[in-house]
Amino acid sequence: MKATKHLQARMSQRAISMSELDMTLTFGEVRGDKIVLNKKRITELLAEFEYINANQMEKSK
């Protein structure tokens, strides 16, 4: 994503990194005109990633 000067300024004001923005856009939930990545969704994603990782480890044995 190419960041505009306005976006860079807002990210700087809110201490948001580009990687955090990318993760929110990729994994966040759409709520009206917002995309939200809250603690509940992060917990769900971590569980999914752990499940995928565990299955891949089992297959590689």
Protein backbone atom coordinates (compact mmCIF):
# COMPACT_ATOMS: atom_id res chain seq x y z
CA MET A 1 0.00 0.00 0.00
CA LYS A 2 1.34 3.40 -0.94
CA ALA A 3 0.99 5.75 2.00
CA THR A 4 -0.10 9.32 1.39
CA LYS A 5 1.30 12.18 3.46
CA HIS A 6 -2.03 12.36 5.27
CA LEU A 7 -1.92 8.65 6.12
CA GLN A 8 1.69 8.89 7.28
CA ALA A 9 0.83 11.83 9.52
CA ARG A 10 -2.13 10.03 11.11
CA MET A 11 -0.12 6.85 11.61
CA SER A 12 2.63 8.87 13.26
CA GLN A 13 0.15 10.63 15.55
CA ARG A 14 -1.33 7.31 16.62
CA ALA A 15 1.96 5.33 16.74
CA ILE A 16 0.69 2.82 14.16
CA SER A 17 3.28 0.99 12.04
CA MET A 18 2.79 0.02 8.40
CA SER A 19 2.92 -3.67 9.36
CA GLU A 20 0.09 -3.12 11.88
CA LEU A 21 -1.95 -1.40 9.19
CA ASP A 22 -1.29 -4.22 6.72
CA MET A 23 -2.31 -6.85 9.28
CA THR A 24 -5.51 -4.96 10.07
CA LEU A 25 -6.41 -4.63 6.41
CA THR A 26 -5.69 -8.33 5.80
CA PHE A 27 -7.24 -9.93 8.89
CA GLY A 28 -9.61 -7.31 10.30
CA GLU A 29 -13.38 -7.47 10.30
CA VAL A 30 -15.40 -4.92 8.32
CA ARG A 31 -17.81 -2.96 10.50
CA GLY A 32 -19.58 -0.32 8.51
CA ASP A 33 -16.93 1.98 7.11
CA LYS A 34 -14.20 0.65 9.46
CA ILE A 35 -11.92 -2.36 9.55
CA VAL A 36 -11.37 -3.59 13.10
CA LEU A 37 -8.74 -5.98 14.41
CA ASN A 38 -9.52 -6.36 18.10
CA LYS A 39 -8.15 -8.58 20.83
CA LYS A 40 -10.83 -11.24 20.28
CA ARG A 41 -10.03 -11.50 16.54
CA ILE A 42 -6.28 -11.62 17.24
CA THR A 43 -6.83 -14.50 19.69
CA GLU A 44 -8.88 -16.36 17.05
CA LEU A 45 -6.17 -15.82 14.43
CA LEU A 46 -3.42 -17.02 16.74
CA ALA A 47 -5.39 -20.20 17.45
CA GLU A 48 -5.85 -20.78 13.71
CA PHE A 49 -2.16 -20.22 13.01
CA GLU A 50 -1.16 -22.57 15.84
CA TYR A 51 -3.54 -25.24 14.47
CA ILE A 52 -2.11 -24.88 10.95
CA ASN A 53 1.44 -24.96 12.27
CA ALA A 54 0.77 -28.08 14.36
CA ASN A 55 -0.73 -29.87 11.36
CA GLN A 56 2.23 -28.98 9.19
CA MET A 57 4.62 -30.24 11.86
CA GLU A 58 2.73 -33.55 11.99
CA LYS A 59 2.86 -33.93 8.21
CA SER A 60 6.61 -33.31 8.12
CA LYS A 61 7.34 -36.20 10.54
